[in-house]
N, C-alpha and C. Protein backbone atom coordinates (compact mmCIF):
# COMPACT_ATOMS: atom_id res chain seq x y z
N MET A 1 136.96 -31.29 -14.03
CA MET A 1 137.58 -32.66 -13.60
C MET A 1 138.60 -33.06 -14.58
N LYS A 2 138.49 -32.64 -15.89
CA LYS A 2 139.45 -33.04 -16.86
C LYS A 2 140.80 -32.37 -16.56
N ILE A 3 140.78 -31.16 -16.14
CA ILE A 3 141.99 -30.39 -15.84
C ILE A 3 142.70 -31.09 -14.64
N ALA A 4 141.92 -31.47 -13.68
CA ALA A 4 142.45 -32.11 -12.46
C ALA A 4 143.20 -33.40 -12.79
N ILE A 5 142.57 -34.13 -13.72
CA ILE A 5 143.16 -35.41 -14.25
C ILE A 5 144.50 -35.14 -14.91
N ILE A 6 144.51 -34.05 -15.75
CA ILE A 6 145.74 -33.65 -16.40
C ILE A 6 146.85 -33.27 -15.47
N ILE A 7 146.46 -32.50 -14.39
CA ILE A 7 147.43 -32.16 -13.34
C ILE A 7 148.00 -33.22 -12.61
N MET A 8 147.09 -34.26 -12.31
CA MET A 8 147.59 -35.44 -11.61
C MET A 8 148.51 -36.26 -12.48
N ARG A 9 148.18 -36.41 -13.67
CA ARG A 9 149.01 -37.15 -14.66
C ARG A 9 150.34 -36.52 -14.89
N VAL A 10 150.34 -35.14 -15.00
CA VAL A 10 151.65 -34.51 -15.26
C VAL A 10 152.49 -34.46 -13.95
N LEU A 11 151.89 -34.35 -12.83
CA LEU A 11 152.69 -34.36 -11.56
C LEU A 11 153.32 -35.75 -11.32
N LEU A 12 152.42 -36.78 -11.58
CA LEU A 12 153.01 -38.10 -11.39
C LEU A 12 154.06 -38.49 -12.36
N GLY A 13 153.89 -38.10 -13.56
CA GLY A 13 154.96 -38.24 -14.61
C GLY A 13 156.16 -37.43 -14.24
N ALA A 14 156.06 -36.29 -13.84
CA ALA A 14 157.21 -35.46 -13.51
C ALA A 14 157.97 -35.96 -12.29
N MET A 15 157.31 -36.55 -11.32
CA MET A 15 157.99 -37.17 -10.12
C MET A 15 158.77 -38.41 -10.57
N TYR A 16 158.20 -39.23 -11.54
CA TYR A 16 158.89 -40.39 -11.91
C TYR A 16 160.13 -40.05 -12.84
N LEU A 17 159.91 -39.04 -13.70
CA LEU A 17 160.92 -38.55 -14.49
C LEU A 17 162.05 -38.00 -13.77
N PHE A 18 161.80 -37.16 -12.78
CA PHE A 18 162.81 -36.54 -11.98
C PHE A 18 163.55 -37.65 -11.24
N ALA A 19 162.80 -38.64 -10.59
CA ALA A 19 163.61 -39.64 -9.90
C ALA A 19 164.46 -40.48 -10.70
N SER A 20 164.07 -40.76 -12.00
CA SER A 20 164.95 -41.59 -12.82
C SER A 20 166.12 -40.80 -13.32
N VAL A 21 165.86 -39.56 -13.86
CA VAL A 21 166.97 -38.75 -14.38
C VAL A 21 168.07 -38.44 -13.38
N THR A 22 167.63 -38.09 -12.13
CA THR A 22 168.62 -37.87 -11.06
C THR A 22 169.45 -39.16 -10.76
N TYR A 23 168.82 -40.31 -10.83
CA TYR A 23 169.46 -41.54 -10.64
C TYR A 23 170.55 -41.74 -11.77
N PHE A 24 170.18 -41.61 -13.00
CA PHE A 24 171.10 -41.97 -14.08
C PHE A 24 172.14 -40.93 -14.24
N LEU A 25 171.90 -39.64 -13.91
CA LEU A 25 172.87 -38.59 -13.90
C LEU A 25 173.67 -38.31 -12.70
N HIS A 26 173.39 -39.21 -11.69
CA HIS A 26 173.98 -39.09 -10.38
C HIS A 26 173.94 -37.70 -9.73
N LEU A 27 172.76 -37.09 -9.76
CA LEU A 27 172.47 -35.83 -9.25
C LEU A 27 172.03 -35.80 -7.75
N MET A 28 171.62 -36.85 -7.32
CA MET A 28 171.09 -36.95 -5.90
C MET A 28 172.23 -36.83 -4.86
N PRO A 29 171.95 -36.15 -3.81
CA PRO A 29 173.00 -36.12 -2.77
C PRO A 29 173.13 -37.54 -2.08
N LYS A 30 174.10 -37.65 -1.25
CA LYS A 30 174.21 -38.90 -0.53
C LYS A 30 172.99 -39.25 0.31
N ALA A 31 172.66 -40.43 0.24
CA ALA A 31 171.41 -40.92 0.91
C ALA A 31 171.50 -40.79 2.51
N PRO A 32 170.48 -40.48 3.17
CA PRO A 32 170.57 -40.41 4.62
C PRO A 32 170.77 -41.76 5.22
N ALA A 33 171.15 -41.74 6.55
CA ALA A 33 171.36 -42.99 7.17
C ALA A 33 170.09 -43.79 7.20
N MET A 34 170.29 -45.12 7.00
CA MET A 34 169.14 -46.05 6.93
C MET A 34 169.15 -46.96 8.19
N THR A 35 167.89 -47.40 8.42
CA THR A 35 167.70 -48.30 9.57
C THR A 35 168.29 -49.70 9.12
N ALA A 36 168.23 -50.58 10.16
CA ALA A 36 168.78 -51.93 9.77
C ALA A 36 167.89 -52.70 8.74
N ALA A 37 166.56 -52.45 8.87
CA ALA A 37 165.52 -53.11 7.91
C ALA A 37 165.73 -52.48 6.41
N GLN A 38 165.88 -51.19 6.47
CA GLN A 38 166.12 -50.62 5.14
C GLN A 38 167.42 -51.10 4.51
N THR A 39 168.48 -51.16 5.24
CA THR A 39 169.74 -51.63 4.78
C THR A 39 169.62 -53.05 4.22
N THR A 40 168.90 -53.95 4.92
CA THR A 40 168.74 -55.22 4.50
C THR A 40 167.97 -55.30 3.22
N PHE A 41 166.87 -54.54 3.14
CA PHE A 41 166.01 -54.43 1.91
C PHE A 41 166.89 -53.95 0.76
N MET A 42 167.56 -52.87 0.94
CA MET A 42 168.33 -52.31 -0.19
C MET A 42 169.57 -53.17 -0.61
N THR A 43 170.10 -53.91 0.32
CA THR A 43 171.20 -54.86 0.08
C THR A 43 170.62 -55.87 -0.83
N GLY A 44 169.38 -56.37 -0.56
CA GLY A 44 168.84 -57.41 -1.42
C GLY A 44 168.50 -56.95 -2.86
N VAL A 45 168.04 -55.76 -2.87
CA VAL A 45 167.70 -55.13 -4.18
C VAL A 45 168.97 -54.88 -5.05
N MET A 46 170.00 -54.33 -4.33
CA MET A 46 171.23 -54.08 -5.12
C MET A 46 172.00 -55.36 -5.43
N ALA A 47 171.78 -56.45 -4.66
CA ALA A 47 172.52 -57.71 -4.86
C ALA A 47 172.00 -58.36 -6.12
N SER A 48 170.77 -58.03 -6.56
CA SER A 48 170.25 -58.61 -7.83
C SER A 48 170.78 -58.09 -9.09
N VAL A 49 171.48 -56.91 -8.95
CA VAL A 49 172.24 -56.21 -9.93
C VAL A 49 171.26 -55.54 -10.97
N TYR A 50 170.38 -56.26 -11.57
CA TYR A 50 169.52 -55.75 -12.55
C TYR A 50 168.28 -54.98 -12.13
N LEU A 51 167.81 -55.29 -10.90
CA LEU A 51 166.48 -54.85 -10.46
C LEU A 51 166.39 -53.30 -10.36
N PHE A 52 167.30 -52.73 -9.68
CA PHE A 52 167.20 -51.32 -9.43
C PHE A 52 167.32 -50.46 -10.77
N PRO A 53 168.19 -50.81 -11.69
CA PRO A 53 168.29 -50.11 -12.97
C PRO A 53 167.00 -50.39 -13.78
N LEU A 54 166.39 -51.58 -13.61
CA LEU A 54 165.12 -51.91 -14.40
C LEU A 54 163.99 -51.01 -13.83
N ILE A 55 163.96 -50.88 -12.56
CA ILE A 55 162.92 -49.97 -11.89
C ILE A 55 163.12 -48.56 -12.40
N LYS A 56 164.31 -47.99 -12.36
CA LYS A 56 164.61 -46.69 -12.79
C LYS A 56 164.30 -46.45 -14.40
N ILE A 57 164.59 -47.46 -15.20
CA ILE A 57 164.27 -47.36 -16.63
C ILE A 57 162.72 -47.45 -16.81
N THR A 58 162.00 -48.24 -15.98
CA THR A 58 160.52 -48.20 -16.04
C THR A 58 160.04 -46.92 -15.62
N GLU A 59 160.61 -46.24 -14.61
CA GLU A 59 160.21 -44.98 -14.20
C GLU A 59 160.41 -43.92 -15.22
N LEU A 60 161.55 -44.04 -15.87
CA LEU A 60 161.89 -42.92 -16.94
C LEU A 60 160.87 -43.12 -18.11
N LEU A 61 160.66 -44.37 -18.58
CA LEU A 61 159.78 -44.50 -19.67
C LEU A 61 158.30 -44.18 -19.34
N CYS A 62 157.84 -44.60 -18.17
CA CYS A 62 156.45 -44.30 -17.82
C CYS A 62 156.26 -42.88 -17.50
N GLY A 63 157.32 -42.19 -16.87
CA GLY A 63 157.23 -40.83 -16.60
C GLY A 63 157.08 -39.97 -17.88
N ALA A 64 157.82 -40.36 -18.83
CA ALA A 64 157.73 -39.66 -20.16
C ALA A 64 156.39 -39.92 -20.76
N MET A 65 155.89 -41.18 -20.76
CA MET A 65 154.60 -41.54 -21.36
C MET A 65 153.54 -40.81 -20.62
N LEU A 66 153.58 -40.65 -19.36
CA LEU A 66 152.53 -39.93 -18.69
C LEU A 66 152.59 -38.34 -19.02
N LEU A 67 153.70 -37.84 -19.21
CA LEU A 67 153.81 -36.45 -19.58
C LEU A 67 153.33 -36.25 -21.09
N ILE A 68 153.53 -37.26 -21.93
CA ILE A 68 153.15 -37.10 -23.35
C ILE A 68 151.49 -37.11 -23.34
N GLY A 69 150.92 -37.98 -22.56
CA GLY A 69 149.56 -38.00 -22.36
C GLY A 69 148.78 -39.05 -23.29
N ARG A 70 149.19 -39.21 -24.49
CA ARG A 70 148.53 -40.14 -25.40
C ARG A 70 148.66 -41.58 -24.95
N THR A 71 149.78 -41.88 -24.19
CA THR A 71 150.08 -43.24 -23.76
C THR A 71 149.89 -43.36 -22.30
N ALA A 72 149.18 -42.39 -21.67
CA ALA A 72 149.04 -42.34 -20.19
C ALA A 72 148.30 -43.73 -19.73
N PRO A 73 147.19 -44.18 -20.38
CA PRO A 73 146.63 -45.48 -19.85
C PRO A 73 147.64 -46.60 -19.71
N LEU A 74 148.53 -46.70 -20.66
CA LEU A 74 149.42 -47.86 -20.71
C LEU A 74 150.45 -47.53 -19.45
N ALA A 75 150.95 -46.37 -19.48
CA ALA A 75 151.96 -45.95 -18.49
C ALA A 75 151.36 -46.23 -17.04
N SER A 76 150.14 -45.79 -16.81
CA SER A 76 149.67 -45.89 -15.45
C SER A 76 149.50 -47.29 -15.06
N ILE A 77 149.27 -48.23 -15.98
CA ILE A 77 149.12 -49.63 -15.60
C ILE A 77 150.48 -50.25 -15.48
N ILE A 78 151.39 -49.85 -16.22
CA ILE A 78 152.77 -50.38 -16.11
C ILE A 78 153.45 -50.00 -14.78
N ILE A 79 153.33 -48.69 -14.43
CA ILE A 79 154.03 -48.11 -13.29
C ILE A 79 153.30 -48.46 -11.93
N PHE A 80 152.15 -48.96 -11.95
CA PHE A 80 151.41 -49.22 -10.70
C PHE A 80 152.13 -50.08 -9.68
N PRO A 81 152.77 -51.23 -10.19
CA PRO A 81 153.52 -52.05 -9.23
C PRO A 81 154.66 -51.26 -8.60
N VAL A 82 155.31 -50.40 -9.33
CA VAL A 82 156.36 -49.56 -8.78
C VAL A 82 155.82 -48.64 -7.72
N THR A 83 154.70 -47.97 -7.93
CA THR A 83 154.10 -47.06 -7.09
C THR A 83 153.71 -47.76 -5.83
N LEU A 84 153.08 -48.94 -5.98
CA LEU A 84 152.60 -49.70 -4.79
C LEU A 84 153.82 -50.10 -3.91
N ASN A 85 154.87 -50.48 -4.52
CA ASN A 85 156.16 -50.90 -3.85
C ASN A 85 156.73 -49.69 -3.13
N ILE A 86 156.75 -48.50 -3.66
CA ILE A 86 157.23 -47.36 -3.06
C ILE A 86 156.41 -47.00 -1.84
N PHE A 87 155.09 -47.08 -1.95
CA PHE A 87 154.17 -46.94 -0.85
C PHE A 87 154.33 -47.82 0.29
N LEU A 88 154.47 -49.17 0.01
CA LEU A 88 154.66 -50.16 0.92
C LEU A 88 156.01 -50.05 1.65
N TYR A 89 157.03 -49.80 0.97
CA TYR A 89 158.41 -49.57 1.48
C TYR A 89 158.33 -48.35 2.57
N THR A 90 157.71 -47.33 2.09
CA THR A 90 157.62 -46.14 3.01
C THR A 90 156.73 -46.48 4.14
N ALA A 91 155.57 -47.24 4.03
CA ALA A 91 154.70 -47.52 5.18
C ALA A 91 155.40 -48.49 6.20
N PHE A 92 156.24 -49.42 5.64
CA PHE A 92 156.81 -50.40 6.62
C PHE A 92 158.21 -50.20 7.00
N LEU A 93 159.00 -49.55 6.10
CA LEU A 93 160.43 -49.41 6.44
C LEU A 93 160.96 -48.05 6.62
N ALA A 94 160.33 -47.04 6.01
CA ALA A 94 160.90 -45.66 6.05
C ALA A 94 160.23 -44.94 7.31
N GLN A 95 160.68 -43.69 7.38
CA GLN A 95 160.21 -42.77 8.41
C GLN A 95 158.74 -42.28 8.05
N PRO A 96 158.05 -42.17 9.14
CA PRO A 96 156.59 -41.71 8.85
C PRO A 96 156.46 -40.41 8.10
N LYS A 97 157.53 -39.49 8.18
CA LYS A 97 157.32 -38.20 7.56
C LYS A 97 157.31 -38.36 6.03
N ASP A 98 157.83 -39.47 5.55
CA ASP A 98 157.80 -39.75 4.00
C ASP A 98 156.57 -40.32 3.51
N LEU A 99 155.72 -40.76 4.44
CA LEU A 99 154.44 -41.45 3.99
C LEU A 99 153.47 -40.56 3.20
N PRO A 100 153.30 -39.31 3.53
CA PRO A 100 152.29 -38.49 2.73
C PRO A 100 152.60 -38.47 1.19
N MET A 101 153.93 -38.31 0.89
CA MET A 101 154.29 -38.22 -0.54
C MET A 101 153.96 -39.51 -1.27
N SER A 102 154.36 -40.61 -0.71
CA SER A 102 154.09 -41.84 -1.41
C SER A 102 152.57 -42.19 -1.33
N ALA A 103 151.88 -41.72 -0.38
CA ALA A 103 150.47 -41.88 -0.45
C ALA A 103 149.77 -41.06 -1.51
N VAL A 104 150.24 -39.94 -1.74
CA VAL A 104 149.76 -39.01 -2.86
C VAL A 104 150.14 -39.69 -4.12
N MET A 105 151.28 -40.21 -4.35
CA MET A 105 151.71 -40.98 -5.58
C MET A 105 150.72 -42.17 -5.86
N LEU A 106 150.47 -42.91 -4.75
CA LEU A 106 149.57 -44.08 -4.92
C LEU A 106 148.17 -43.55 -5.31
N LEU A 107 147.68 -42.53 -4.60
CA LEU A 107 146.40 -42.04 -4.87
C LEU A 107 146.28 -41.55 -6.27
N PHE A 108 147.21 -40.79 -6.80
CA PHE A 108 147.20 -40.24 -8.18
C PHE A 108 147.18 -41.44 -9.18
N ASN A 109 148.02 -42.54 -8.82
CA ASN A 109 147.91 -43.63 -9.81
C ASN A 109 146.63 -44.34 -9.77
N LEU A 110 146.03 -44.58 -8.60
CA LEU A 110 144.76 -45.25 -8.45
C LEU A 110 143.66 -44.44 -9.26
N ILE A 111 143.72 -43.09 -9.03
CA ILE A 111 142.69 -42.27 -9.74
C ILE A 111 142.94 -42.33 -11.30
N LEU A 112 144.11 -42.40 -11.70
CA LEU A 112 144.35 -42.48 -13.14
C LEU A 112 143.89 -43.86 -13.75
N LEU A 113 144.09 -45.00 -12.92
CA LEU A 113 143.68 -46.21 -13.31
C LEU A 113 142.14 -46.17 -13.36
N TYR A 114 141.46 -45.55 -12.44
CA TYR A 114 140.00 -45.43 -12.48
C TYR A 114 139.54 -44.62 -13.63
N VAL A 115 140.17 -43.50 -14.01
CA VAL A 115 139.77 -42.71 -15.07
C VAL A 115 139.96 -43.40 -16.32
N TYR A 116 141.00 -44.17 -16.55
CA TYR A 116 141.28 -44.91 -17.78
C TYR A 116 140.65 -46.35 -17.85
N ARG A 117 139.72 -46.65 -16.90
CA ARG A 117 139.29 -48.04 -16.78
C ARG A 117 138.66 -48.52 -18.08
N ALA A 118 137.98 -47.58 -18.81
CA ALA A 118 137.39 -47.98 -20.16
C ALA A 118 138.40 -48.45 -21.16
N LYS A 119 139.61 -48.02 -21.05
CA LYS A 119 140.65 -48.47 -21.97
C LYS A 119 141.15 -49.82 -21.63
N TYR A 120 140.89 -50.31 -20.31
CA TYR A 120 141.41 -51.61 -19.88
C TYR A 120 140.38 -52.62 -20.13
N LEU A 121 139.06 -52.31 -20.33
CA LEU A 121 138.01 -53.32 -20.53
C LEU A 121 138.22 -54.29 -21.60
N PRO A 122 138.73 -53.81 -22.77
CA PRO A 122 139.01 -54.75 -23.88
C PRO A 122 139.99 -55.98 -23.53
N ILE A 123 140.84 -55.63 -22.51
CA ILE A 123 141.88 -56.62 -22.06
C ILE A 123 141.17 -57.76 -21.42
N VAL A 124 140.13 -57.40 -20.61
CA VAL A 124 139.49 -58.54 -19.78
C VAL A 124 138.15 -59.10 -20.40
N SER A 125 137.65 -58.40 -21.42
CA SER A 125 136.38 -58.88 -22.00
C SER A 125 136.62 -59.79 -23.20
N LYS A 126 135.71 -60.45 -23.54
CA LYS A 126 135.75 -61.50 -24.66
C LYS A 126 135.68 -60.73 -26.02
């Protein structure tokens, strides 16, 4: 079980690290055509100017923290809102073929949160 947790942590960290590095180095190809709902959503995100770079910086830092391993409990709790938003965006706005990958990301993050739950108990206990 410990090896499975390490594999999930490394895969999730690598996905976030890849997504952020390709954004900052402009390595991704041109985005495919978007639906009207996706265009509206992305227009709103881009109009805020700071939000998308903030998300990518969070992905970069948390991806590195997940790969390091020592700071994985902190990274998994910080990156959870981003993971949830990716899943919900895919579920409601994107094509159904993209849903399995975001569902796996959400599942990995939920499993990591469950595994590291003992680390979070001091936050909520007296």
